Amino acid sequence: MPTLARAAELSKAVFGSEHMLSVMWQISQAPDATFNAPAIERATGLAGSIVHGMLARLKRAGLIEVVGHLEGERTLAYQRRDHLVWQAASQLTSEVTDTLGIGGPYDS
């Protein structure tokens, strides 16, 4: 099974959405814990409507928070809040790629 399909299957089983794991993995990799929706869209290849839906769910869960706007734009800046779920998302992604012997997290 290609990595994308396995990641989507695992994501659906654990988070109730086939896209949540890829979004959470990208957020977990943000170097200073800050990110924005367009960056997640580019990194995952997901449509903006999907990413915004996932971010809304994570915000309602208290896992991310809005910290402002990108300078000169209407784009919201988010910050990842400290929680073990980010480590879990990273570990789940690693397990998918390690099991399949593939280097990148979402190679097909």
PDB file of N, CA and C in Angstrom:
ATOM      1  N   MET A   1       0.860  -1.181   0.000  1.00  0.00           N
ATOM      2  CA  MET A   1       0.000   0.000   0.000  1.00  0.00           C
ATOM      3  C   MET A   1       0.899   1.234   0.000  1.00  0.00           C
ATOM      4  N   PRO A   2       0.693   2.183  -0.914  1.00  0.00           N
ATOM      5  CA  PRO A   2       1.504   3.399  -0.929  1.00  0.00           C
ATOM      6  C   PRO A   2       1.385   4.163   0.384  1.00  0.00           C
ATOM      7  N   THR A   3       2.400   4.934   0.683  1.00  0.00           N
ATOM      8  CA  THR A   3       2.443   5.677   1.939  1.00  0.00           C
ATOM      9  C   THR A   3       1.232   6.576   2.112  1.00  0.00           C
ATOM     10  N   LEU A   4       0.842   7.296   1.055  1.00  0.00           N
ATOM     11  CA  LEU A   4      -0.309   8.191   1.166  1.00  0.00           C
ATOM     12  C   LEU A   4      -1.557   7.436   1.590  1.00  0.00           C
ATOM     13  N   ALA A   5      -1.798   6.302   0.991  1.00  0.00           N
ATOM     14  CA  ALA A   5      -2.987   5.519   1.326  1.00  0.00           C
ATOM     15  C   ALA A   5      -2.907   5.001   2.754  1.00  0.00           C
ATOM     16  N   ARG A   6      -1.750   4.525   3.169  1.00  0.00           N
ATOM     17  CA  ARG A   6      -1.586   4.013   4.537  1.00  0.00           C
ATOM     18  C   ARG A   6      -1.733   5.139   5.547  1.00  0.00           C
ATOM     19  N   ALA A   7      -1.143   6.288   5.257  1.00  0.00           N
ATOM     20  CA  ALA A   7      -1.263   7.436   6.159  1.00  0.00           C
ATOM     21  C   ALA A   7      -2.717   7.883   6.267  1.00  0.00           C
ATOM     22  N   ALA A   8      -3.430   7.904   5.138  1.00  0.00           N
ATOM     23  CA  ALA A   8      -4.838   8.304   5.143  1.00  0.00           C
ATOM     24  C   ALA A   8      -5.680   7.315   5.941  1.00  0.00           C
ATOM     25  N   GLU A   9      -5.397   6.024   5.771  1.00  0.00           N
ATOM     26  CA  GLU A   9      -6.130   4.987   6.509  1.00  0.00           C
ATOM     27  C   GLU A   9      -5.895   5.119   8.015  1.00  0.00           C
ATOM     28  N   LEU A  10      -4.655   5.296   8.409  1.00  0.00           N
ATOM     29  CA  LEU A  10      -4.315   5.453   9.822  1.00  0.00           C
ATOM     30  C   LEU A  10      -4.927   6.729  10.385  1.00  0.00           C
ATOM     31  N   SER A  11      -4.851   7.807   9.618  1.00  0.00           N
ATOM     32  CA  SER A  11      -5.413   9.081  10.043  1.00  0.00           C
ATOM     33  C   SER A  11      -6.916   8.966  10.282  1.00  0.00           C
ATOM     34  N   LYS A  12      -7.608   8.307   9.368  1.00  0.00           N
ATOM     35  CA  LYS A  12      -9.065   8.121   9.500  1.00  0.00           C
ATOM     36  C   LYS A  12      -9.385   7.305  10.748  1.00  0.00           C
ATOM     37  N   ALA A  13      -8.608   6.255  10.995  1.00  0.00           N
ATOM     38  CA  ALA A  13      -8.854   5.395  12.154  1.00  0.00           C
ATOM     39  C   ALA A  13      -8.596   6.124  13.470  1.00  0.00           C
ATOM     40  N   VAL A  14      -7.536   6.914  13.520  1.00  0.00           N
ATOM     41  CA  VAL A  14      -7.141   7.556  14.780  1.00  0.00           C
ATOM     42  C   VAL A  14      -7.831   8.900  14.996  1.00  0.00           C
ATOM     43  N   PHE A  15      -7.921   9.711  13.940  1.00  0.00           N
ATOM     44  CA  PHE A  15      -8.415  11.083  14.086  1.00  0.00           C
ATOM     45  C   PHE A  15      -9.778  11.336  13.457  1.00  0.00           C
ATOM     46  N   GLY A  16     -10.340  10.344  12.757  1.00  0.00           N
ATOM     47  CA  GLY A  16     -11.649  10.521  12.147  1.00  0.00           C
ATOM     48  C   GLY A  16     -11.631  11.283  10.833  1.00  0.00           C
ATOM     49  N   SER A  17     -10.450  11.554  10.311  1.00  0.00           N
ATOM     50  CA  SER A  17     -10.306  12.255   9.037  1.00  0.00           C
ATOM     51  C   SER A  17      -9.066  11.735   8.331  1.00  0.00           C
ATOM     52  N   GLU A  18      -9.191  11.449   7.060  1.00  0.00           N
ATOM     53  CA  GLU A  18      -8.034  10.926   6.331  1.00  0.00           C
ATOM     54  C   GLU A  18      -6.948  11.976   6.115  1.00  0.00           C
ATOM     55  N   HIS A  19      -7.262  13.250   6.365  1.00  0.00           N
ATOM     56  CA  HIS A  19      -6.287  14.321   6.151  1.00  0.00           C
ATOM     57  C   HIS A  19      -5.634  14.834   7.434  1.00  0.00           C
ATOM     58  N   MET A  20      -6.219  14.536   8.580  1.00  0.00           N
ATOM     59  CA  MET A  20      -5.746  15.149   9.820  1.00  0.00           C
ATOM     60  C   MET A  20      -4.289  14.814  10.129  1.00  0.00           C
ATOM     61  N   LEU A  21      -3.866  13.587   9.919  1.00  0.00           N
ATOM     62  CA  LEU A  21      -2.490  13.217  10.252  1.00  0.00           C
ATOM     63  C   LEU A  21      -1.490  14.026   9.440  1.00  0.00           C
ATOM     64  N   SER A  22      -1.739  14.212   8.151  1.00  0.00           N
ATOM     65  CA  SER A  22      -0.793  14.987   7.342  1.00  0.00           C
ATOM     66  C   SER A  22      -0.746  16.442   7.789  1.00  0.00           C
ATOM     67  N   VAL A  23      -1.897  17.009   8.148  1.00  0.00           N
ATOM     68  CA  VAL A  23      -1.931  18.387   8.646  1.00  0.00           C
ATOM     69  C   VAL A  23      -1.201  18.471   9.985  1.00  0.00           C
ATOM     70  N   MET A  24      -1.493  17.540  10.876  1.00  0.00           N
ATOM     71  CA  MET A  24      -0.854  17.567  12.197  1.00  0.00           C
ATOM     72  C   MET A  24       0.646  17.340  12.100  1.00  0.00           C
ATOM     73  N   TRP A  25       1.068  16.467  11.181  1.00  0.00           N
ATOM     74  CA  TRP A  25       2.500  16.234  11.029  1.00  0.00           C
ATOM     75  C   TRP A  25       3.199  17.510  10.588  1.00  0.00           C
ATOM     76  N   GLN A  26       2.604  18.216   9.635  1.00  0.00           N
ATOM     77  CA  GLN A  26       3.199  19.476   9.179  1.00  0.00           C
ATOM     78  C   GLN A  26       3.269  20.488  10.318  1.00  0.00           C
ATOM     79  N   ILE A  27       2.201  20.579  11.103  1.00  0.00           N
ATOM     80  CA  ILE A  27       2.201  21.502  12.238  1.00  0.00           C
ATOM     81  C   ILE A  27       3.270  21.094  13.246  1.00  0.00           C
ATOM     82  N   SER A  28       3.410  19.802  13.485  1.00  0.00           N
ATOM     83  CA  SER A  28       4.402  19.334  14.467  1.00  0.00           C
ATOM     84  C   SER A  28       5.822  19.652  14.030  1.00  0.00           C
ATOM     85  N   GLN A  29       6.038  19.847  12.731  1.00  0.00           N
ATOM     86  CA  GLN A  29       7.372  20.138  12.211  1.00  0.00           C
ATOM     87  C   GLN A  29       7.688  21.630  12.142  1.00  0.00           C
ATOM     88  N   ALA A  30       6.715  22.493  12.426  1.00  0.00           N
ATOM     89  CA  ALA A  30       6.957  23.941  12.375  1.00  0.00           C
ATOM     90  C   ALA A  30       8.061  24.295  13.372  1.00  0.00           C
ATOM     91  N   PRO A  31       9.182  24.847  12.896  1.00  0.00           N
ATOM     92  CA  PRO A  31      10.355  25.028  13.748  1.00  0.00           C
ATOM     93  C   PRO A  31      10.134  25.906  14.976  1.00  0.00           C
ATOM     94  N   ASP A  32       9.377  26.954  14.855  1.00  0.00           N
ATOM     95  CA  ASP A  32       9.143  27.813  16.021  1.00  0.00           C
ATOM     96  C   ASP A  32       7.706  27.701  16.521  1.00  0.00           C
ATOM     97  N   ALA A  33       7.036  26.626  16.137  1.00  0.00           N
ATOM     98  CA  ALA A  33       5.663  26.314  16.541  1.00  0.00           C
ATOM     99  C   ALA A  33       4.635  27.250  15.917  1.00  0.00           C
ATOM    100  N   THR A  34       5.047  28.132  15.004  1.00  0.00           N
ATOM    101  CA  THR A  34       4.086  29.005  14.333  1.00  0.00           C
ATOM    102  C   THR A  34       3.972  28.603  12.864  1.00  0.00           C
ATOM    103  N   PHE A  35       2.790  28.818  12.320  1.00  0.00           N
ATOM    104  CA  PHE A  35       2.511  28.403  10.949  1.00  0.00           C
ATOM    105  C   PHE A  35       1.282  29.145  10.460  1.00  0.00           C
ATOM    106  N   ASN A  36       0.951  28.968   9.192  1.00  0.00           N
ATOM    107  CA  ASN A  36      -0.266  29.549   8.627  1.00  0.00           C
ATOM    108  C   ASN A  36      -0.875  28.548   7.654  1.00  0.00           C
ATOM    109  N   ALA A  37      -2.131  28.757   7.339  1.00  0.00           N
ATOM    110  CA  ALA A  37      -2.852  27.816   6.478  1.00  0.00           C
ATOM    111  C   ALA A  37      -2.220  27.661   5.096  1.00  0.00           C
ATOM    112  N   PRO A  38      -1.835  28.749   4.414  1.00  0.00           N
ATOM    113  CA  PRO A  38      -1.231  28.558   3.092  1.00  0.00           C
ATOM    114  C   PRO A  38       0.035  27.690   3.121  1.00  0.00           C
ATOM    115  N   ALA A  39       0.824  27.786   4.177  1.00  0.00           N
ATOM    116  CA  ALA A  39       2.024  26.946   4.288  1.00  0.00           C
ATOM    117  C   ALA A  39       1.637  25.471   4.416  1.00  0.00           C
ATOM    118  N   ILE A  40       0.581  25.191   5.173  1.00  0.00           N
ATOM    119  CA  ILE A  40       0.111  23.810   5.334  1.00  0.00           C
ATOM    120  C   ILE A  40      -0.460  23.303   4.008  1.00  0.00           C
ATOM    121  N   GLU A  41      -1.189  24.167   3.307  1.00  0.00           N
ATOM    122  CA  GLU A  41      -1.748  23.793   2.001  1.00  0.00           C
ATOM    123  C   GLU A  41      -0.635  23.414   1.026  1.00  0.00           C
ATOM    124  N   ARG A  42       0.408  24.239   0.968  1.00  0.00           N
ATOM    125  CA  ARG A  42       1.526  23.958   0.050  1.00  0.00           C
ATOM    126  C   ARG A  42       2.237  22.663   0.433  1.00  0.00           C
ATOM    127  N   ALA A  43       2.457  22.471   1.721  1.00  0.00           N
ATOM    128  CA  ALA A  43       3.211  21.296   2.181  1.00  0.00           C
ATOM    129  C   ALA A  43       2.443  19.989   1.978  1.00  0.00           C
ATOM    130  N   THR A  44       1.127  20.040   2.133  1.00  0.00           N
ATOM    131  CA  THR A  44       0.326  18.817   2.045  1.00  0.00           C
ATOM    132  C   THR A  44      -0.312  18.611   0.678  1.00  0.00           C
ATOM    133  N   GLY A  45      -0.462  19.692  -0.082  1.00  0.00           N
ATOM    134  CA  GLY A  45      -1.166  19.602  -1.357  1.00  0.00           C
ATOM    135  C   GLY A  45      -2.676  19.562  -1.196  1.00  0.00           C
ATOM    136  N   LEU A  46      -3.158  19.804   0.016  1.00  0.00           N
ATOM    137  CA  LEU A  46      -4.597  19.790   0.281  1.00  0.00           C
ATOM    138  C   LEU A  46      -5.222  21.130  -0.077  1.00  0.00           C
ATOM    139  N   ALA A  47      -6.494  21.104  -0.426  1.00  0.00           N
ATOM    140  CA  ALA A  47      -7.241  22.320  -0.730  1.00  0.00           C
ATOM    141  C   ALA A  47      -7.382  23.172   0.525  1.00  0.00           C
ATOM    142  N   GLY A  48      -7.473  24.468   0.319  1.00  0.00           N
ATOM    143  CA  GLY A  48      -7.622  25.394   1.434  1.00  0.00           C
ATOM    144  C   GLY A  48      -8.817  25.080   2.312  1.00  0.00           C
ATOM    145  N   SER A  49      -9.927  24.682   1.704  1.00  0.00           N
ATOM    146  CA  SER A  49     -11.126  24.389   2.494  1.00  0.00           C
ATOM    147  C   SER A  49     -10.892  23.211   3.440  1.00  0.00           C
ATOM    148  N   ILE A  50     -10.125  22.230   2.997  1.00  0.00           N
ATOM    149  CA  ILE A  50      -9.826  21.081   3.860  1.00  0.00           C
ATOM    150  C   ILE A  50      -8.913  21.507   4.998  1.00  0.00           C
ATOM    151  N   VAL A  51      -7.857  22.247   4.661  1.00  0.00           N
ATOM    152  CA  VAL A  51      -6.911  22.696   5.690  1.00  0.00           C
ATOM    153  C   VAL A  51      -7.611  23.578   6.712  1.00  0.00           C
ATOM    154  N   HIS A  52      -8.421  24.516   6.255  1.00  0.00           N
ATOM    155  CA  HIS A  52      -9.121  25.402   7.194  1.00  0.00           C
ATOM    156  C   HIS A  52     -10.060  24.611   8.104  1.00  0.00           C
ATOM    157  N   GLY A  53     -10.706  23.593   7.568  1.00  0.00           N
ATOM    158  CA  GLY A  53     -11.560  22.738   8.399  1.00  0.00           C
ATOM    159  C   GLY A  53     -10.771  22.004   9.469  1.00  0.00           C
ATOM    160  N   MET A  54      -9.607  21.484   9.088  1.00  0.00           N
ATOM    161  CA  MET A  54      -8.752  20.774  10.054  1.00  0.00           C
ATOM    162  C   MET A  54      -8.234  21.740  11.122  1.00  0.00           C
ATOM    163  N   LEU A  55      -7.840  22.947  10.703  1.00  0.00           N
ATOM    164  CA  LEU A  55      -7.346  23.936  11.666  1.00  0.00           C
ATOM    165  C   LEU A  55      -8.452  24.362  12.628  1.00  0.00           C
ATOM    166  N   ALA A  56      -9.675  24.489  12.122  1.00  0.00           N
ATOM    167  CA  ALA A  56     -10.798  24.845  12.996  1.00  0.00           C
ATOM    168  C   ALA A  56     -11.015  23.762  14.054  1.00  0.00           C
ATOM    169  N   ARG A  57     -10.915  22.507  13.658  1.00  0.00           N
ATOM    170  CA  ARG A  57     -11.070  21.406  14.622  1.00  0.00           C
ATOM    171  C   ARG A  57      -9.958  21.431  15.664  1.00  0.00           C
ATOM    172  N   LEU A  58      -8.730  21.651  15.221  1.00  0.00           N
ATOM    173  CA  LEU A  58      -7.598  21.696  16.152  1.00  0.00           C
ATOM    174  C   LEU A  58      -7.701  22.894  17.092  1.00  0.00           C
ATOM    175  N   LYS A  59      -8.216  24.006  16.584  1.00  0.00           N
ATOM    176  CA  LYS A  59      -8.407  25.195  17.426  1.00  0.00           C
ATOM    177  C   LYS A  59      -9.482  24.933  18.477  1.00  0.00           C
ATOM    178  N   ARG A  60     -10.594  24.334  18.069  1.00  0.00           N
ATOM    179  CA  ARG A  60     -11.663  24.008  19.033  1.00  0.00           C
ATOM    180  C   ARG A  60     -11.166  23.053  20.111  1.00  0.00           C
ATOM    181  N   ALA A  61     -10.241  22.182  19.747  1.00  0.00           N
ATOM    182  CA  ALA A  61      -9.682  21.224  20.707  1.00  0.00           C
ATOM    183  C   ALA A  61      -8.625  21.860  21.608  1.00  0.00           C
ATOM    184  N   GLY A  62      -8.275  23.109  21.335  1.00  0.00           N
ATOM    185  CA  GLY A  62      -7.276  23.794  22.152  1.00  0.00           C
ATOM    186  C   GLY A  62      -5.842  23.395  21.830  1.00  0.00           C
ATOM    187  N   LEU A  63      -5.620  22.797  20.661  1.00  0.00           N
ATOM    188  CA  LEU A  63      -4.276  22.342  20.295  1.00  0.00           C
ATOM    189  C   LEU A  63      -3.480  23.394  19.536  1.00  0.00           C
ATOM    190  N   ILE A  64      -4.181  24.348  18.937  1.00  0.00           N
ATOM    191  CA  ILE A  64      -3.533  25.480  18.276  1.00  0.00           C
ATOM    192  C   ILE A  64      -4.287  26.741  18.664  1.00  0.00           C
ATOM    193  N   GLU A  65      -3.636  27.881  18.477  1.00  0.00           N
ATOM    194  CA  GLU A  65      -4.301  29.149  18.751  1.00  0.00           C
ATOM    195  C   GLU A  65      -3.873  30.182  17.714  1.00  0.00           C
ATOM    196  N   VAL A  66      -4.756  31.137  17.464  1.00  0.00           N
ATOM    197  CA  VAL A  66      -4.445  32.238  16.558  1.00  0.00           C
ATOM    198  C   VAL A  66      -3.568  33.217  17.323  1.00  0.00           C
ATOM    199  N   VAL A  67      -2.463  33.630  16.696  1.00  0.00           N
ATOM    200  CA  VAL A  67      -1.544  34.561  17.364  1.00  0.00           C
ATOM    201  C   VAL A  67      -1.400  35.871  16.603  1.00  0.00           C
ATOM    202  N   GLY A  68      -2.182  36.066  15.564  1.00  0.00           N
ATOM    203  CA  GLY A  68      -2.130  37.311  14.806  1.00  0.00           C
ATOM    204  C   GLY A  68      -2.314  37.057  13.324  1.00  0.00           C
ATOM    205  N   HIS A  69      -1.825  38.010  12.550  1.00  0.00           N
ATOM    206  CA  HIS A  69      -1.892  37.933  11.089  1.00  0.00           C
ATOM    207  C   HIS A  69      -0.484  38.041  10.523  1.00  0.00           C
ATOM    208  N   LEU A  70      -0.300  37.509   9.325  1.00  0.00           N
ATOM    209  CA  LEU A  70       0.965  37.737   8.632  1.00  0.00           C
ATOM    210  C   LEU A  70       1.034  39.220   8.288  1.00  0.00           C
ATOM    211  N   GLU A  71       2.200  39.791   8.407  1.00  0.00           N
ATOM    212  CA  GLU A  71       2.366  41.227   8.197  1.00  0.00           C
ATOM    213  C   GLU A  71       1.846  41.646   6.825  1.00  0.00           C
ATOM    214  N   GLY A  72       0.945  42.634   6.845  1.00  0.00           N
ATOM    215  CA  GLY A  72       0.393  43.178   5.617  1.00  0.00           C
ATOM    216  C   GLY A  72      -0.631  42.292   4.927  1.00  0.00           C
ATOM    217  N   GLU A  73      -1.075  41.236   5.588  1.00  0.00           N
ATOM    218  CA  GLU A  73      -2.032  40.306   4.988  1.00  0.00           C
ATOM    219  C   GLU A  73      -3.183  40.027   5.944  1.00  0.00           C
ATOM    220  N   ARG A  74      -4.206  39.392   5.409  1.00  0.00           N
ATOM    221  CA  ARG A  74      -5.325  38.940   6.236  1.00  0.00           C
ATOM    222  C   ARG A  74      -5.108  37.517   6.727  1.00  0.00           C
ATOM    223  N   THR A  75      -4.056  36.869   6.255  1.00  0.00           N
ATOM    224  CA  THR A  75      -3.778  35.478   6.611  1.00  0.00           C
ATOM    225  C   THR A  75      -3.482  35.354   8.098  1.00  0.00           C
ATOM    226  N   LEU A  76      -4.201  34.448   8.761  1.00  0.00           N
ATOM    227  CA  LEU A  76      -3.988  34.230  10.188  1.00  0.00           C
ATOM    228  C   LEU A  76      -2.697  33.463  10.441  1.00  0.00           C
ATOM    229  N   ALA A  77      -2.026  33.849  11.514  1.00  0.00           N
ATOM    230  CA  ALA A  77      -0.860  33.100  11.994  1.00  0.00           C
ATOM    231  C   ALA A  77      -1.330  32.288  13.195  1.00  0.00           C
ATOM    232  N   TYR A  78      -0.919  31.039  13.245  1.00  0.00           N
ATOM    233  CA  TYR A  78      -1.287  30.131  14.325  1.00  0.00           C
ATOM    234  C   TYR A  78      -0.038  29.708  15.083  1.00  0.00           C
ATOM    235  N   GLN A  79      -0.268  29.286  16.312  1.00  0.00           N
ATOM    236  CA  GLN A  79       0.814  28.693  17.090  1.00  0.00           C
ATOM    237  C   GLN A  79       0.345  27.363  17.648  1.00  0.00           C
ATOM    238  N   ARG A  80       1.236  26.401  17.571  1.00  0.00           N
ATOM    239  CA  ARG A  80       0.986  25.078  18.140  1.00  0.00           C
ATOM    240  C   ARG A  80       1.118  25.201  19.655  1.00  0.00           C
ATOM    241  N   ARG A  81       0.151  24.671  20.378  1.00  0.00           N
ATOM    242  CA  ARG A  81       0.229  24.653  21.836  1.00  0.00           C
ATOM    243  C   ARG A  81       0.901  23.358  22.272  1.00  0.00           C
ATOM    244  N   ASP A  82       1.600  23.415  23.389  1.00  0.00           N
ATOM    245  CA  ASP A  82       2.287  22.227  23.894  1.00  0.00           C
ATOM    246  C   ASP A  82       1.280  21.135  24.236  1.00  0.00           C
ATOM    247  N   HIS A  83       1.483  19.973  23.657  1.00  0.00           N
ATOM    248  CA  HIS A  83       0.623  18.828  23.938  1.00  0.00           C
ATOM    249  C   HIS A  83       1.298  17.580  23.385  1.00  0.00           C
ATOM    250  N   LEU A  84       1.089  16.469  24.035  1.00  0.00           N
ATOM    251  CA  LEU A  84       1.679  15.208  23.590  1.00  0.00           C
ATOM    252  C   LEU A  84       1.161  14.748  22.231  1.00  0.00           C
ATOM    253  N   VAL A  85       0.020  15.256  21.806  1.00  0.00           N
ATOM    254  CA  VAL A  85      -0.557  14.833  20.529  1.00  0.00           C
ATOM    255  C   VAL A  85       0.381  15.136  19.355  1.00  0.00           C
ATOM    256  N   TRP A  86       1.185  16.183  19.465  1.00  0.00           N
ATOM    257  CA  TRP A  86       2.105  16.529  18.379  1.00  0.00           C
ATOM    258  C   TRP A  86       3.207  15.481  18.252  1.00  0.00           C
ATOM    259  N   GLN A  87       3.681  15.004  19.375  1.00  0.00           N
ATOM    260  CA  GLN A  87       4.674  13.929  19.357  1.00  0.00           C
ATOM    261  C   GLN A  87       4.047  12.659  18.778  1.00  0.00           C
ATOM    262  N   ALA A  88       2.799  12.403  19.153  1.00  0.00           N
ATOM    263  CA  ALA A  88       2.101  11.217  18.643  1.00  0.00           C
ATOM    264  C   ALA A  88       1.925  11.302  17.125  1.00  0.00           C
ATOM    265  N   ALA A  89       1.547  12.466  16.611  1.00  0.00           N
ATOM    266  CA  ALA A  89       1.381  12.630  15.160  1.00  0.00           C
ATOM    267  C   ALA A  89       2.700  12.390  14.437  1.00  0.00           C
ATOM    268  N   SER A  90       3.764  12.910  15.001  1.00  0.00           N
ATOM    269  CA  SER A  90       5.081  12.711  14.402  1.00  0.00           C
ATOM    270  C   SER A  90       5.485  11.240  14.440  1.00  0.00           C
ATOM    271  N   GLN A  91       5.218  10.592  15.558  1.00  0.00           N
ATOM    272  CA  GLN A  91       5.571   9.175  15.696  1.00  0.00           C
ATOM    273  C   GLN A  91       4.736   8.300  14.759  1.00  0.00           C
ATOM    274  N   LEU A  92       3.440   8.575  14.656  1.00  0.00           N
ATOM    275  CA  LEU A  92       2.585   7.808  13.744  1.00  0.00           C
ATOM    276  C   LEU A  92       3.071   7.939  12.302  1.00  0.00           C
ATOM    277  N   THR A  93       3.430   9.149  11.917  1.00  0.00           N
ATOM    278  CA  THR A  93       3.936   9.368  10.565  1.00  0.00           C
ATOM    279  C   THR A  93       5.230   8.601  10.349  1.00  0.00           C
ATOM    280  N   SER A  94       6.115   8.640  11.331  1.00  0.00           N
ATOM    281  CA  SER A  94       7.382   7.903  11.229  1.00  0.00           C
ATOM    282  C   SER A  94       7.142   6.406  11.110  1.00  0.00           C
ATOM    283  N   GLU A  95       6.183   5.898  11.868  1.00  0.00           N
ATOM    284  CA  GLU A  95       5.887   4.467  11.813  1.00  0.00           C
ATOM    285  C   GLU A  95       5.383   4.053  10.435  1.00  0.00           C
ATOM    286  N   VAL A  96       4.565   4.895   9.818  1.00  0.00           N
ATOM    287  CA  VAL A  96       4.066   4.590   8.473  1.00  0.00           C
ATOM    288  C   VAL A  96       5.230   4.539   7.497  1.00  0.00           C
ATOM    289  N   THR A  97       6.088   5.543   7.531  1.00  0.00           N
ATOM    290  CA  THR A  97       7.198   5.584   6.574  1.00  0.00           C
ATOM    291  C   THR A  97       8.242   4.517   6.878  1.00  0.00           C
ATOM    292  N   ASP A  98       8.521   4.251   8.144  1.00  0.00           N
ATOM    293  CA  ASP A  98       9.505   3.220   8.505  1.00  0.00           C
ATOM    294  C   ASP A  98       9.016   1.829   8.115  1.00  0.00           C
ATOM    295  N   THR A  99       7.742   1.555   8.362  1.00  0.00           N
ATOM    296  CA  THR A  99       7.168   0.248   8.038  1.00  0.00           C
ATOM    297  C   THR A  99       7.281  -0.044   6.546  1.00  0.00           C
ATOM    298  N   LEU A 100       7.085   0.986   5.745  1.00  0.00           N
ATOM    299  CA  LEU A 100       7.121   0.802   4.301  1.00  0.00           C
ATOM    300  C   LEU A 100       8.514   1.005   3.716  1.00  0.00           C
ATOM    301  N   GLY A 101       9.471   1.414   4.565  1.00  0.00           N
ATOM    302  CA  GLY A 101      10.832   1.617   4.090  1.00  0.00           C
ATOM    303  C   GLY A 101      10.976   2.779   3.133  1.00  0.00           C
ATOM    304  N   ILE A 102      10.182   3.807   3.363  1.00  0.00           N
ATOM    305  CA  ILE A 102      10.199   4.978   2.490  1.00  0.00           C
ATOM    306  C   ILE A 102      10.750   6.150   3.279  1.00  0.00           C
ATOM    307  N   GLY A 103      11.609   6.941   2.668  1.00  0.00           N
ATOM    308  CA  GLY A 103      12.270   8.038   3.367  1.00  0.00           C
ATOM    309  C   GLY A 103      11.370   9.199   3.713  1.00  0.00           C
ATOM    310  N   GLY A 104      10.582   9.696   2.785  1.00  0.00           N
ATOM    311  CA  GLY A 104       9.743  10.863   3.032  1.00  0.00           C
ATOM    312  C   GLY A 104       8.413  10.466   3.621  1.00  0.00           C
ATOM    313  N   PRO A 105       7.805  11.361   4.389  1.00  0.00           N
ATOM    314  CA  PRO A 105       6.576  11.007   5.080  1.00  0.00           C
ATOM    315  C   PRO A 105       5.382  10.750   4.179  1.00  0.00           C
ATOM    316  N   TYR A 106       5.287  11.396   3.032  1.00  0.00           N
ATOM    317  CA  TYR A 106       4.106  11.221   2.198  1.00  0.00           C
ATOM    318  C   TYR A 106       4.457  10.935   0.754  1.00  0.00           C
ATOM    319  N   ASP A 107       5.568  10.247   0.536  1.00  0.00           N
ATOM    320  CA  ASP A 107       5.910   9.801  -0.816  1.00  0.00           C
ATOM    321  C   ASP A 107       4.898   8.738  -1.232  1.00  0.00           C
ATOM    322  N   SER A 108       4.603   8.673  -2.519  1.00  0.00           N
ATOM    323  CA  SER A 108       3.673   7.626  -2.965  1.00  0.00           C
ATOM    324  C   SER A 108       4.392   6.522  -3.689  1.00  0.00           C
TER     325      SER A 108
END
